[in-house]
Amino acid sequence: MIGNHFRIKIDGASNELAKFNEFDKILNFYGYQRFGSRRPVTHRIGRSLIQKDFAGAVDLLLSFTSEYDKDENTKLRELMDDKSKYPEALQILPKGMDLEKIALKEMIEHGDPVKTLRALPLSIRRFFVQAYQSYIFNQTLSMSLDAGEELFFPQSDDVCYNKNNELGKFENDPSQRLSVPFVGYSYYKKRVSIITLKKFYVMKVSRTRIFF
């Protein structure tokens, strides 16, 4: 990551450094913060949005549970799994569930998942889709590593920066820097997930749009 510098302190390390000789690089995965540490749901919502399953996206936002979440939050989400309990849930939601409050109010008033999603901040809606893109990236990176692919040096069809900092395809030029590894491979992963590039531009037909 250009422009980011870290100082890492390691305690209780072994003196047997030779064990780490093969681990001279670290893969730059997207971390839990992108998906939700206690409730990894953002990428799931993003996938539903891409697939135009808007009702499913609202259900995930409100009622998806995780074993890592607090017990009181899990109980609330189990309550919100029952649409007839929406008014009751709205009265007891804590301050931290501001998105859920917005969604509940809209669902109680209109019962329309599209209107409910449009009531959420645009930045949040886009973040859900970006989280799913990040999930695909992580999956692709893992698959590439397992397949023994070269991940640290430019290969054919990779996207690179040239010496003038311009983006383009790899041309066997030592001055080029890898930008986005395995574009073609990530496209393959999208096909495996039944996701095409066109689906990343999501629009509800007629006058209602989700992201713009």
C-alpha atoms as a PDB file:
ATOM      1  CA  MET A   1       0.000   0.000   0.000  1.00  0.00           C
ATOM      2  CA  ILE A   2       1.808   3.095  -1.195  1.00  0.00           C
ATOM      3  CA  GLY A   3       1.826   5.890   1.361  1.00  0.00           C
ATOM      4  CA  ASN A   4       1.112   3.746   4.410  1.00  0.00           C
ATOM      5  CA  HIS A   5       3.883   2.958   6.883  1.00  0.00           C
ATOM      6  CA  PHE A   6       3.605   0.677   9.877  1.00  0.00           C
ATOM      7  CA  ARG A   7       5.780  -0.123  12.858  1.00  0.00           C
ATOM      8  CA  ILE A   8       5.016  -3.592  14.193  1.00  0.00           C
ATOM      9  CA  LYS A   9       6.226  -4.821  17.578  1.00  0.00           C
ATOM     10  CA  ILE A  10       6.388  -8.575  18.142  1.00  0.00           C
ATOM     11  CA  ASP A  11       6.622  -9.931  21.681  1.00  0.00           C
ATOM     12  CA  GLY A  12       7.632 -13.427  22.719  1.00  0.00           C
ATOM     13  CA  ALA A  13       9.180 -14.297  19.372  1.00  0.00           C
ATOM     14  CA  SER A  14      11.385 -17.344  18.899  1.00  0.00           C
ATOM     15  CA  ASN A  15      15.076 -16.892  18.096  1.00  0.00           C
ATOM     16  CA  GLU A  16      14.777 -19.534  15.392  1.00  0.00           C
ATOM     17  CA  LEU A  17      14.486 -17.037  12.547  1.00  0.00           C
ATOM     18  CA  ALA A  18      15.276 -19.665   9.935  1.00  0.00           C
ATOM     19  CA  LYS A  19      11.717 -20.939  10.334  1.00  0.00           C
ATOM     20  CA  PHE A  20      10.490 -17.740   8.699  1.00  0.00           C
ATOM     21  CA  ASN A  21      12.826 -17.699   5.696  1.00  0.00           C
ATOM     22  CA  GLU A  22      10.076 -18.829   3.343  1.00  0.00           C
ATOM     23  CA  PHE A  23       7.691 -16.149   4.601  1.00  0.00           C
ATOM     24  CA  ASP A  24       9.319 -13.067   3.115  1.00  0.00           C
ATOM     25  CA  LYS A  25       6.095 -11.441   1.907  1.00  0.00           C
ATOM     26  CA  ILE A  26       2.604 -10.839   3.281  1.00  0.00           C
ATOM     27  CA  LEU A  27      -0.524 -11.058   1.132  1.00  0.00           C
ATOM     28  CA  ASN A  28      -2.556  -7.862   1.323  1.00  0.00           C
ATOM     29  CA  PHE A  29      -6.037  -9.192   2.105  1.00  0.00           C
ATOM     30  CA  TYR A  30      -8.927  -6.930   3.019  1.00  0.00           C
ATOM     31  CA  GLY A  31      -9.431  -7.248   6.771  1.00  0.00           C
ATOM     32  CA  TYR A  32     -12.424  -7.963   8.974  1.00  0.00           C
ATOM     33  CA  GLN A  33     -13.204  -4.268   9.283  1.00  0.00           C
ATOM     34  CA  ARG A  34     -14.438  -4.273   5.682  1.00  0.00           C
ATOM     35  CA  PHE A  35     -16.929  -7.068   6.343  1.00  0.00           C
ATOM     36  CA  GLY A  36     -17.830  -6.592  10.001  1.00  0.00           C
ATOM     37  CA  SER A  37     -15.741  -8.063  12.807  1.00  0.00           C
ATOM     38  CA  ARG A  38     -18.583  -9.256  15.020  1.00  0.00           C
ATOM     39  CA  ARG A  39     -21.198  -9.613  12.307  1.00  0.00           C
ATOM     40  CA  PRO A  40     -19.642 -10.276   8.895  1.00  0.00           C
ATOM     41  CA  VAL A  41     -22.606  -9.189   6.816  1.00  0.00           C
ATOM     42  CA  THR A  42     -21.629  -6.228   4.612  1.00  0.00           C
ATOM     43  CA  HIS A  43     -20.415  -8.391   1.713  1.00  0.00           C
ATOM     44  CA  ARG A  44     -23.528 -10.559   1.961  1.00  0.00           C
ATOM     45  CA  ILE A  45     -25.724  -7.478   1.654  1.00  0.00           C
ATOM     46  CA  GLY A  46     -23.608  -6.320  -1.275  1.00  0.00           C
ATOM     47  CA  ARG A  47     -24.069  -9.651  -3.031  1.00  0.00           C
ATOM     48  CA  SER A  48     -27.844  -9.423  -2.591  1.00  0.00           C
ATOM     49  CA  LEU A  49     -27.813  -5.897  -4.030  1.00  0.00           C
ATOM     50  CA  ILE A  50     -25.798  -7.012  -7.045  1.00  0.00           C
ATOM     51  CA  GLN A  51     -28.239  -9.858  -7.611  1.00  0.00           C
ATOM     52  CA  LYS A  52     -31.135  -7.389  -7.228  1.00  0.00           C
ATOM     53  CA  ASP A  53     -32.474  -9.329  -4.273  1.00  0.00           C
ATOM     54  CA  PHE A  54     -33.469  -6.144  -2.463  1.00  0.00           C
ATOM     55  CA  ALA A  55     -35.787  -7.849   0.013  1.00  0.00           C
ATOM     56  CA  GLY A  56     -32.978 -10.226   0.895  1.00  0.00           C
ATOM     57  CA  ALA A  57     -30.600  -7.302   1.420  1.00  0.00           C
ATOM     58  CA  VAL A  58     -32.994  -5.694   3.902  1.00  0.00           C
ATOM     59  CA  ASP A  59     -33.469  -9.001   5.714  1.00  0.00           C
ATOM     60  CA  LEU A  60     -29.700  -9.415   6.044  1.00  0.00           C
ATOM     61  CA  LEU A  61     -29.282  -5.892   7.359  1.00  0.00           C
ATOM     62  CA  LEU A  62     -31.925  -6.411  10.013  1.00  0.00           C
ATOM     63  CA  SER A  63     -31.795 -10.052  11.023  1.00  0.00           C
ATOM     64  CA  PHE A  64     -28.500 -11.696  10.046  1.00  0.00           C
ATOM     65  CA  THR A  65     -26.927 -13.123  13.214  1.00  0.00           C
ATOM     66  CA  SER A  66     -23.401 -14.173  14.085  1.00  0.00           C
ATOM     67  CA  GLU A  67     -21.920 -16.259  16.869  1.00  0.00           C
ATOM     68  CA  TYR A  68     -19.446 -13.428  17.504  1.00  0.00           C
ATOM     69  CA  ASP A  69     -22.070 -10.760  18.138  1.00  0.00           C
ATOM     70  CA  LYS A  70     -23.343  -9.763  21.562  1.00  0.00           C
ATOM     71  CA  ASP A  71     -26.209 -11.845  22.945  1.00  0.00           C
ATOM     72  CA  GLU A  72     -28.486  -8.819  23.272  1.00  0.00           C
ATOM     73  CA  ASN A  73     -27.881  -7.889  19.636  1.00  0.00           C
ATOM     74  CA  THR A  74     -28.611 -11.435  18.509  1.00  0.00           C
ATOM     75  CA  LYS A  75     -31.917 -11.409  20.387  1.00  0.00           C
ATOM     76  CA  LEU A  76     -32.879  -8.132  18.708  1.00  0.00           C
ATOM     77  CA  ARG A  77     -32.071  -9.493  15.271  1.00  0.00           C
ATOM     78  CA  GLU A  78     -34.051 -12.642  15.958  1.00  0.00           C
ATOM     79  CA  LEU A  79     -36.948 -10.349  16.852  1.00  0.00           C
ATOM     80  CA  MET A  80     -36.508  -8.436  13.582  1.00  0.00           C
ATOM     81  CA  ASP A  81     -36.645 -11.713  11.674  1.00  0.00           C
ATOM     82  CA  ASP A  82     -40.401 -11.520  12.261  1.00  0.00           C
ATOM     83  CA  LYS A  83     -41.858  -8.652  10.217  1.00  0.00           C
ATOM     84  CA  SER A  84     -44.870  -8.431  12.520  1.00  0.00           C
ATOM     85  CA  LYS A  85     -42.444  -7.497  15.312  1.00  0.00           C
ATOM     86  CA  TYR A  86     -40.935  -4.508  13.477  1.00  0.00           C
ATOM     87  CA  PRO A  87     -42.814  -1.868  15.550  1.00  0.00           C
ATOM     88  CA  GLU A  88     -41.765  -3.563  18.782  1.00  0.00           C
ATOM     89  CA  ALA A  89     -38.138  -3.810  17.663  1.00  0.00           C
ATOM     90  CA  LEU A  90     -38.051  -0.153  16.619  1.00  0.00           C
ATOM     91  CA  GLN A  91     -38.881   0.933  20.166  1.00  0.00           C
ATOM     92  CA  ILE A  92     -35.955  -0.919  21.741  1.00  0.00           C
ATOM     93  CA  LEU A  93     -33.136  -0.601  19.209  1.00  0.00           C
ATOM     94  CA  PRO A  94     -29.968   0.907  20.756  1.00  0.00           C
ATOM     95  CA  LYS A  95     -28.327   4.058  19.400  1.00  0.00           C
ATOM     96  CA  GLY A  96     -25.621   2.082  17.627  1.00  0.00           C
ATOM     97  CA  MET A  97     -28.128   0.525  15.227  1.00  0.00           C
ATOM     98  CA  ASP A  98     -28.889   3.682  13.287  1.00  0.00           C
ATOM     99  CA  LEU A  99     -29.065   1.932   9.904  1.00  0.00           C
ATOM    100  CA  GLU A 100     -31.461  -0.622  11.301  1.00  0.00           C
ATOM    101  CA  LYS A 101     -33.671   2.176  12.665  1.00  0.00           C
ATOM    102  CA  ILE A 102     -33.851   3.797   9.251  1.00  0.00           C
ATOM    103  CA  ALA A 103     -34.692   0.478   7.621  1.00  0.00           C
ATOM    104  CA  LEU A 104     -37.341  -0.435  10.185  1.00  0.00           C
ATOM    105  CA  LYS A 105     -39.097   2.924   9.891  1.00  0.00           C
ATOM    106  CA  GLU A 106     -39.245   2.622   6.113  1.00  0.00           C
ATOM    107  CA  MET A 107     -40.425  -0.978   6.174  1.00  0.00           C
ATOM    108  CA  ILE A 108     -43.127  -0.163   8.730  1.00  0.00           C
ATOM    109  CA  GLU A 109     -44.304   2.857   6.748  1.00  0.00           C
ATOM    110  CA  HIS A 110     -43.981   1.574   3.179  1.00  0.00           C
ATOM    111  CA  GLY A 111     -43.075  -2.117   3.241  1.00  0.00           C
ATOM    112  CA  ASP A 112     -40.973  -1.517   0.121  1.00  0.00           C
ATOM    113  CA  PRO A 113     -37.392  -2.896   0.206  1.00  0.00           C
ATOM    114  CA  VAL A 114     -36.231  -0.572  -2.588  1.00  0.00           C
ATOM    115  CA  LYS A 115     -37.482   2.554  -0.788  1.00  0.00           C
ATOM    116  CA  THR A 116     -35.925   1.211   2.386  1.00  0.00           C
ATOM    117  CA  LEU A 117     -32.521   0.818   0.751  1.00  0.00           C
ATOM    118  CA  ARG A 118     -32.756   4.252  -0.847  1.00  0.00           C
ATOM    119  CA  ALA A 119     -33.347   5.724   2.608  1.00  0.00           C
ATOM    120  CA  LEU A 120     -29.890   4.555   3.666  1.00  0.00           C
ATOM    121  CA  PRO A 121     -26.969   6.946   3.026  1.00  0.00           C
ATOM    122  CA  LEU A 122     -25.573   6.581  -0.482  1.00  0.00           C
ATOM    123  CA  SER A 123     -22.088   6.017   0.911  1.00  0.00           C
ATOM    124  CA  ILE A 124     -23.375   3.029   2.894  1.00  0.00           C
ATOM    125  CA  ARG A 125     -25.131   1.506  -0.114  1.00  0.00           C
ATOM    126  CA  ARG A 126     -21.964   1.767  -2.151  1.00  0.00           C
ATOM    127  CA  PHE A 127     -19.918   0.415   0.739  1.00  0.00           C
ATOM    128  CA  PHE A 128     -21.985  -2.778   0.729  1.00  0.00           C
ATOM    129  CA  VAL A 129     -21.135  -3.375  -2.929  1.00  0.00           C
ATOM    130  CA  GLN A 130     -17.483  -2.492  -2.330  1.00  0.00           C
ATOM    131  CA  ALA A 131     -17.420  -4.998   0.527  1.00  0.00           C
ATOM    132  CA  TYR A 132     -18.581  -7.709  -1.851  1.00  0.00           C
ATOM    133  CA  GLN A 133     -15.924  -6.683  -4.355  1.00  0.00           C
ATOM    134  CA  SER A 134     -13.382  -6.961  -1.534  1.00  0.00           C
ATOM    135  CA  TYR A 135     -14.698 -10.421  -0.702  1.00  0.00           C
ATOM    136  CA  ILE A 136     -14.208 -11.498  -4.324  1.00  0.00           C
ATOM    137  CA  PHE A 137     -10.679 -10.059  -4.221  1.00  0.00           C
ATOM    138  CA  ASN A 138      -9.851 -12.058  -1.078  1.00  0.00           C
ATOM    139  CA  GLN A 139     -11.282 -15.224  -2.595  1.00  0.00           C
ATOM    140  CA  THR A 140      -9.307 -14.676  -5.784  1.00  0.00           C
ATOM    141  CA  LEU A 141      -6.099 -14.025  -3.874  1.00  0.00           C
ATOM    142  CA  SER A 142      -6.559 -17.218  -1.852  1.00  0.00           C
ATOM    143  CA  MET A 143      -7.293 -19.273  -4.970  1.00  0.00           C
ATOM    144  CA  SER A 144      -4.254 -17.838  -6.734  1.00  0.00           C
ATOM    145  CA  LEU A 145      -2.021 -18.662  -3.769  1.00  0.00           C
ATOM    146  CA  ASP A 146      -3.361 -22.216  -3.545  1.00  0.00           C
ATOM    147  CA  ALA A 147      -2.780 -22.664  -7.284  1.00  0.00           C
ATOM    148  CA  GLY A 148       0.856 -21.600  -6.925  1.00  0.00           C
ATOM    149  CA  GLU A 149       0.445 -18.538  -9.129  1.00  0.00           C
ATOM    150  CA  GLU A 150       2.957 -15.685  -9.143  1.00  0.00           C
ATOM    151  CA  LEU A 151       1.479 -12.905  -7.011  1.00  0.00           C
ATOM    152  CA  PHE A 152       4.348 -10.491  -6.520  1.00  0.00           C
ATOM    153  CA  PHE A 153       5.680  -9.811 -10.010  1.00  0.00           C
ATOM    154  CA  PRO A 154       3.791  -8.720 -13.156  1.00  0.00           C
ATOM    155  CA  GLN A 155       2.552 -11.433 -15.486  1.00  0.00           C
ATOM    156  CA  SER A 156       0.765 -11.440 -18.821  1.00  0.00           C
ATOM    157  CA  ASP A 157      -2.566  -9.532 -18.756  1.00  0.00           C
ATOM    158  CA  ASP A 158      -1.893  -7.951 -15.354  1.00  0.00           C
ATOM    159  CA  VAL A 159      -2.655  -4.252 -14.943  1.00  0.00           C
ATOM    160  CA  CYS A 160       0.475  -2.217 -14.207  1.00  0.00           C
ATOM    161  CA  TYR A 161       1.747   1.314 -13.726  1.00  0.00           C
ATOM    162  CA  ASN A 162       4.471   2.364 -16.150  1.00  0.00           C
ATOM    163  CA  LYS A 163       7.361   4.690 -15.311  1.00  0.00           C
ATOM    164  CA  ASN A 164       5.058   7.682 -15.928  1.00  0.00           C
ATOM    165  CA  ASN A 165       2.528   6.359 -13.406  1.00  0.00           C
ATOM    166  CA  GLU A 166       0.039   5.555 -16.165  1.00  0.00           C
ATOM    167  CA  LEU A 167      -2.140   2.450 -16.031  1.00  0.00           C
ATOM    168  CA  GLY A 168      -1.861  -0.160 -18.724  1.00  0.00           C
ATOM    169  CA  LYS A 169      -1.298  -3.844 -19.384  1.00  0.00           C
ATOM    170  CA  PHE A 170       1.952  -5.615 -18.609  1.00  0.00           C
ATOM    171  CA  GLU A 171       4.462  -5.263 -21.441  1.00  0.00           C
ATOM    172  CA  ASN A 172       7.506  -7.049 -19.992  1.00  0.00           C
ATOM    173  CA  ASP A 173       9.004  -3.713 -18.959  1.00  0.00           C
ATOM    174  CA  PRO A 174      11.073  -3.878 -15.737  1.00  0.00           C
ATOM    175  CA  SER A 175      10.028  -0.319 -14.870  1.00  0.00           C
ATOM    176  CA  GLN A 176       6.370  -1.333 -14.585  1.00  0.00           C
ATOM    177  CA  ARG A 177       4.785  -1.800 -11.161  1.00  0.00           C
ATOM    178  CA  LEU A 178       1.998  -4.255 -10.488  1.00  0.00           C
ATOM    179  CA  SER A 179      -1.317  -2.519  -9.817  1.00  0.00           C
ATOM    180  CA  VAL A 180      -4.130  -5.061  -9.856  1.00  0.00           C
ATOM    181  CA  PRO A 181      -2.938  -8.682  -9.981  1.00  0.00           C
ATOM    182  CA  PHE A 182      -4.867 -11.285 -11.911  1.00  0.00           C
ATOM    183  CA  VAL A 183      -7.649  -9.245 -13.412  1.00  0.00           C
ATOM    184  CA  GLY A 184      -8.576 -12.166 -15.650  1.00  0.00           C
ATOM    185  CA  TYR A 185      -8.541 -14.531 -12.688  1.00  0.00           C
ATOM    186  CA  SER A 186     -10.835 -12.274 -10.702  1.00  0.00           C
ATOM    187  CA  TYR A 187     -13.206 -12.163 -13.653  1.00  0.00           C
ATOM    188  CA  TYR A 188     -13.233 -15.956 -13.539  1.00  0.00           C
ATOM    189  CA  LYS A 189     -14.142 -15.833  -9.859  1.00  0.00           C
ATOM    190  CA  LYS A 190     -17.050 -13.532 -10.639  1.00  0.00           C
ATOM    191  CA  ARG A 191     -18.353 -16.066 -13.143  1.00  0.00           C
ATOM    192  CA  VAL A 192     -18.076 -18.838 -10.569  1.00  0.00           C
ATOM    193  CA  SER A 193     -20.151 -16.710  -8.184  1.00  0.00           C
ATOM    194  CA  ILE A 194     -22.743 -16.156 -10.942  1.00  0.00           C
ATOM    195  CA  ILE A 195     -21.777 -12.488 -10.942  1.00  0.00           C
ATOM    196  CA  THR A 196     -21.007 -10.576 -14.136  1.00  0.00           C
ATOM    197  CA  LEU A 197     -19.400  -7.158 -14.433  1.00  0.00           C
ATOM    198  CA  LYS A 198     -22.658  -5.614 -15.632  1.00  0.00           C
ATOM    199  CA  LYS A 199     -24.307  -6.549 -12.361  1.00  0.00           C
ATOM    200  CA  PHE A 200     -22.041  -4.127 -10.508  1.00  0.00           C
ATOM    201  CA  TYR A 201     -24.120  -1.354 -12.031  1.00  0.00           C
ATOM    202  CA  VAL A 202     -27.370  -1.954 -10.199  1.00  0.00           C
ATOM    203  CA  MET A 203     -30.541  -0.107 -11.059  1.00  0.00           C
ATOM    204  CA  LYS A 204     -34.152  -0.855 -10.327  1.00  0.00           C
ATOM    205  CA  VAL A 205     -36.110  -0.477 -13.562  1.00  0.00           C
ATOM    206  CA  SER A 206     -38.372   2.602 -13.826  1.00  0.00           C
ATOM    207  CA  ARG A 207     -37.797   5.733 -11.771  1.00  0.00           C
ATOM    208  CA  THR A 208     -36.120   4.132  -8.770  1.00  0.00           C
ATOM    209  CA  ARG A 209     -32.366   3.809  -8.594  1.00  0.00           C
ATOM    210  CA  ILE A 210     -30.320   2.249  -5.826  1.00  0.00           C
ATOM    211  CA  PHE A 211     -26.849   3.737  -6.193  1.00  0.00           C
ATOM    212  CA  PHE A 212     -27.098   6.995  -8.143  1.00  0.00           C
END
